[in-house]
Protein backbone atom coordinates (compact mmCIF):
# COMPACT_ATOMS: atom_id res chain seq x y z
CA UNK A 1 -5.32 62.96 26.00
CA UNK A 2 -6.77 58.91 26.25
CA UNK A 3 -4.49 58.28 23.86
CA UNK A 4 -1.40 60.16 25.12
CA UNK A 5 -2.25 58.25 28.50
CA UNK A 6 -2.30 54.97 26.01
CA UNK A 7 0.81 55.23 24.34
CA UNK A 8 3.09 56.59 27.84
CA UNK A 9 1.91 53.07 29.06
CA UNK A 10 2.58 51.29 26.36
CA UNK A 11 6.55 52.73 25.94
CA UNK A 12 6.80 51.95 29.92
CA UNK A 13 5.93 48.19 29.25
CA UNK A 14 8.00 48.29 26.38
CA UNK A 15 11.66 49.87 28.19
CA UNK A 16 10.24 47.28 31.64
CA UNK A 17 10.45 44.62 29.12
CA UNK A 18 14.01 45.27 27.17
CA UNK A 19 15.08 46.05 31.10
CA UNK A 20 13.76 42.17 32.20
CA UNK A 21 15.34 40.70 28.99
CA UNK A 22 18.70 42.49 29.10
CA UNK A 23 18.73 42.00 33.27
CA UNK A 24 18.12 38.25 32.08
CA UNK A 25 21.34 38.24 29.52
CA UNK A 26 23.80 40.31 31.66
CA UNK A 27 22.84 37.47 34.98
CA UNK A 28 22.93 34.58 32.56
CA UNK A 29 19.50 33.69 32.65
CA UNK A 30 19.22 33.26 29.01
CA UNK A 31 20.89 31.13 26.82
CA UNK A 32 20.59 32.13 23.88
CA UNK A 33 20.56 29.43 19.95
CA UNK A 34 18.86 27.18 21.37
CA UNK A 35 15.57 25.34 19.48
CA UNK A 36 13.19 24.80 21.57
CA UNK A 37 9.66 26.25 20.06
CA UNK A 38 9.30 26.48 16.43
CA UNK A 39 8.10 30.03 17.11
CA UNK A 40 10.69 31.06 19.48
CA UNK A 41 14.82 30.45 19.49
CA UNK A 42 15.84 31.46 22.78
CA UNK A 43 15.15 29.55 25.86
CA UNK A 44 14.07 31.59 29.09
CA UNK A 45 15.79 29.12 31.63
CA UNK A 46 16.40 29.14 35.82
CA UNK A 47 19.99 28.63 36.59
CA UNK A 48 20.53 27.59 32.69
CA UNK A 49 18.43 24.66 33.10
CA UNK A 50 15.55 23.98 30.93
CA UNK A 51 12.52 23.55 32.08
CA UNK A 52 11.02 20.19 33.00
CA UNK A 53 8.30 20.71 30.90
CA UNK A 54 10.23 22.79 27.87
CA UNK A 55 12.74 19.44 27.71
CA UNK A 56 10.07 16.47 28.13
CA UNK A 57 7.62 18.68 24.49
CA UNK A 58 11.62 18.36 23.09
CA UNK A 59 11.85 14.56 23.93
CA UNK A 60 8.36 14.03 22.66
CA UNK A 61 9.29 16.90 19.46
CA UNK A 62 12.65 14.61 18.80
CA UNK A 63 10.32 11.92 18.50
CA UNK A 64 8.03 13.45 16.37
CA UNK A 65 4.85 12.70 18.21
CA UNK A 66 1.47 14.57 18.15
CA UNK A 67 0.60 16.84 20.58
CA UNK A 68 4.04 17.90 22.52
CA UNK A 69 2.22 21.03 23.94
CA UNK A 70 -0.52 19.28 26.04
CA UNK A 71 1.71 15.65 25.81
CA UNK A 72 4.14 17.86 27.90
CA UNK A 73 1.75 19.22 30.30
CA UNK A 74 0.38 16.02 31.19
CA UNK A 75 3.21 13.76 32.02
CA UNK A 76 5.21 16.51 34.23
CA UNK A 77 1.83 16.46 35.41
CA UNK A 78 1.00 12.51 36.75
CA UNK A 79 4.75 10.83 35.65
CA UNK A 80 7.92 10.68 37.98
CA UNK A 81 10.83 11.93 36.31
CA UNK A 82 13.00 8.72 37.30
CA UNK A 83 9.85 7.35 34.39
CA UNK A 84 9.26 9.94 32.23
CA UNK A 85 11.79 8.07 29.15
CA UNK A 86 10.42 4.65 30.07
CA UNK A 87 5.96 5.91 28.92
CA UNK A 88 7.00 8.56 26.74
CA UNK A 89 8.98 5.26 24.74
CA UNK A 90 5.69 3.19 25.49
CA UNK A 91 3.16 6.37 24.08
CA UNK A 92 5.93 6.59 21.56
CA UNK A 93 5.62 2.75 20.32
CA UNK A 94 1.52 2.20 21.01
CA UNK A 95 0.23 5.46 19.68
CA UNK A 96 2.86 8.12 18.18
CA UNK A 97 0.89 10.40 20.35
CA UNK A 98 -2.69 10.03 19.29
CA UNK A 99 -4.54 10.42 21.77
CA UNK A 100 -7.86 8.74 19.70
CA UNK A 101 -6.08 5.97 18.50
CA UNK A 102 -7.16 2.22 18.68
CA UNK A 103 -6.76 -0.36 17.39
CA UNK A 104 -7.88 -4.06 17.30
CA UNK A 105 -8.78 -3.49 21.12
CA UNK A 106 -6.51 -0.88 22.12
CA UNK A 107 -7.87 2.50 23.00
CA UNK A 108 -6.20 5.93 23.63
CA UNK A 109 -2.25 7.47 24.14
CA UNK A 110 -1.09 4.35 26.05
CA UNK A 111 -3.22 1.56 23.95
CA UNK A 112 -4.75 0.11 27.07
CA UNK A 113 -6.47 -2.90 25.60
CA UNK A 114 -9.85 -4.78 26.96
CA UNK A 115 -8.17 -6.89 29.56
CA UNK A 116 -8.53 -4.15 31.48
CA UNK A 117 -11.82 -3.20 30.51
CA UNK A 118 -13.17 -6.76 31.85
CA UNK A 119 -10.99 -6.43 35.00
CA UNK A 120 -12.17 -2.92 36.51
CA UNK A 121 -9.21 -1.51 36.18
CA UNK A 122 -9.80 1.21 33.69
CA UNK A 123 -13.49 2.45 32.58
CA UNK A 124 -13.61 2.89 28.10
CA UNK A 125 -15.86 5.80 28.51
CA UNK A 126 -12.58 8.16 29.47
CA UNK A 127 -9.98 6.00 27.36
CA UNK A 128 -10.65 8.82 25.00
CA UNK A 129 -9.50 11.30 27.46
CA UNK A 130 -5.64 11.72 27.42
CA UNK A 131 -4.91 12.46 30.95
CA UNK A 132 -7.44 9.63 32.04
CA UNK A 133 -5.40 7.29 30.16
CA UNK A 134 -1.72 8.28 30.76
CA UNK A 135 -2.94 8.16 34.29
CA UNK A 136 -4.69 4.73 34.51
CA UNK A 137 -1.87 3.56 32.71
CA UNK A 138 0.81 4.60 34.43
CA UNK A 139 -0.92 3.77 37.76
CA UNK A 140 -2.50 1.00 37.37
CA UNK A 141 -0.56 -1.00 34.72
CA UNK A 142 2.74 0.61 34.54
CA UNK A 143 3.24 1.32 38.62
CA UNK A 144 2.60 -2.01 39.60
CA UNK A 145 2.90 -4.06 36.69
CA UNK A 146 5.84 -3.00 35.23
CA UNK A 147 8.66 -1.39 37.36
CA UNK A 148 8.34 -4.25 39.46
CA UNK A 149 10.27 -6.29 36.82
CA UNK A 150 12.65 -3.47 35.58
CA UNK A 151 14.24 -5.78 32.44
CA UNK A 152 10.90 -6.75 31.76
CA UNK A 153 9.35 -3.30 31.27
CA UNK A 154 8.80 -3.60 28.16
CA UNK A 155 7.70 -7.13 26.93
CA UNK A 156 5.39 -6.94 30.15
CA UNK A 157 4.06 -3.42 29.10
CA UNK A 158 2.89 -4.47 25.21
CA UNK A 159 2.34 -8.21 26.11
CA UNK A 160 2.33 -9.04 22.03
CA UNK A 161 3.91 -12.19 20.06
CA UNK A 162 6.63 -9.96 19.00
CA UNK A 163 7.56 -8.88 22.44
CA UNK A 164 11.26 -9.35 22.09
CA UNK A 165 11.84 -6.92 19.85
CA UNK A 166 9.34 -4.40 20.44
CA UNK A 167 11.57 -5.09 24.45
CA UNK A 168 14.96 -4.09 22.41
CA UNK A 169 13.26 -1.50 19.66
CA UNK A 170 12.04 0.48 23.42
CA UNK A 171 15.46 -0.18 24.71
CA UNK A 172 17.23 2.23 22.06
CA UNK A 173 14.78 3.90 22.13
CA UNK A 174 15.37 4.87 26.03
CA UNK A 175 18.94 5.04 25.55
CA UNK A 176 18.44 8.29 22.99
CA UNK A 177 16.04 9.62 24.62
CA UNK A 178 18.35 9.60 28.21
CA UNK A 179 21.30 11.08 25.79
CA UNK A 180 19.02 14.30 24.70
CA UNK A 181 18.91 13.99 29.13
CA UNK A 182 22.34 14.58 29.40
CA UNK A 183 22.96 16.91 26.43
CA UNK A 184 20.32 19.51 28.14
CA UNK A 185 22.64 18.88 32.02
CA UNK A 186 25.35 20.19 30.07
């Protein structure tokens, strides 16, 4: 008797799922043939637009960054959409998405350095926490110091002796990310 109810419940759920998928297909809320995730080949979209998180994840994957799932959610939560490409570019150039990156006194995802530790802008204990690192770099470094000087934003963020090369390379990455944005808006 219990098995009969179980099978009946599973069948009702399966039929319901099929009806919902068919409905979405006929109303145009499913677009097939677009790669978003390695496990599926179907975008479930709202009004034929990919969600911001999926678009961010797609950009992260196009750059072969580590941790695209975690980073896409953090970027969507912390970074304003207008700054998204700049921050993804900085992540790419600084750590390749490695939340535990360390190089010559630079810590974590955004490679926050010792200058910020000395000024009290950030605390060292949390720099390998991806959310803290991203939020600190975005709110305490990028917005107040880099965005004000938009043309030189990457030079101001990096501050190294090779800043002109860094800035030119960063701007080329941003242009490629903007192309992805345009493709997803079609």
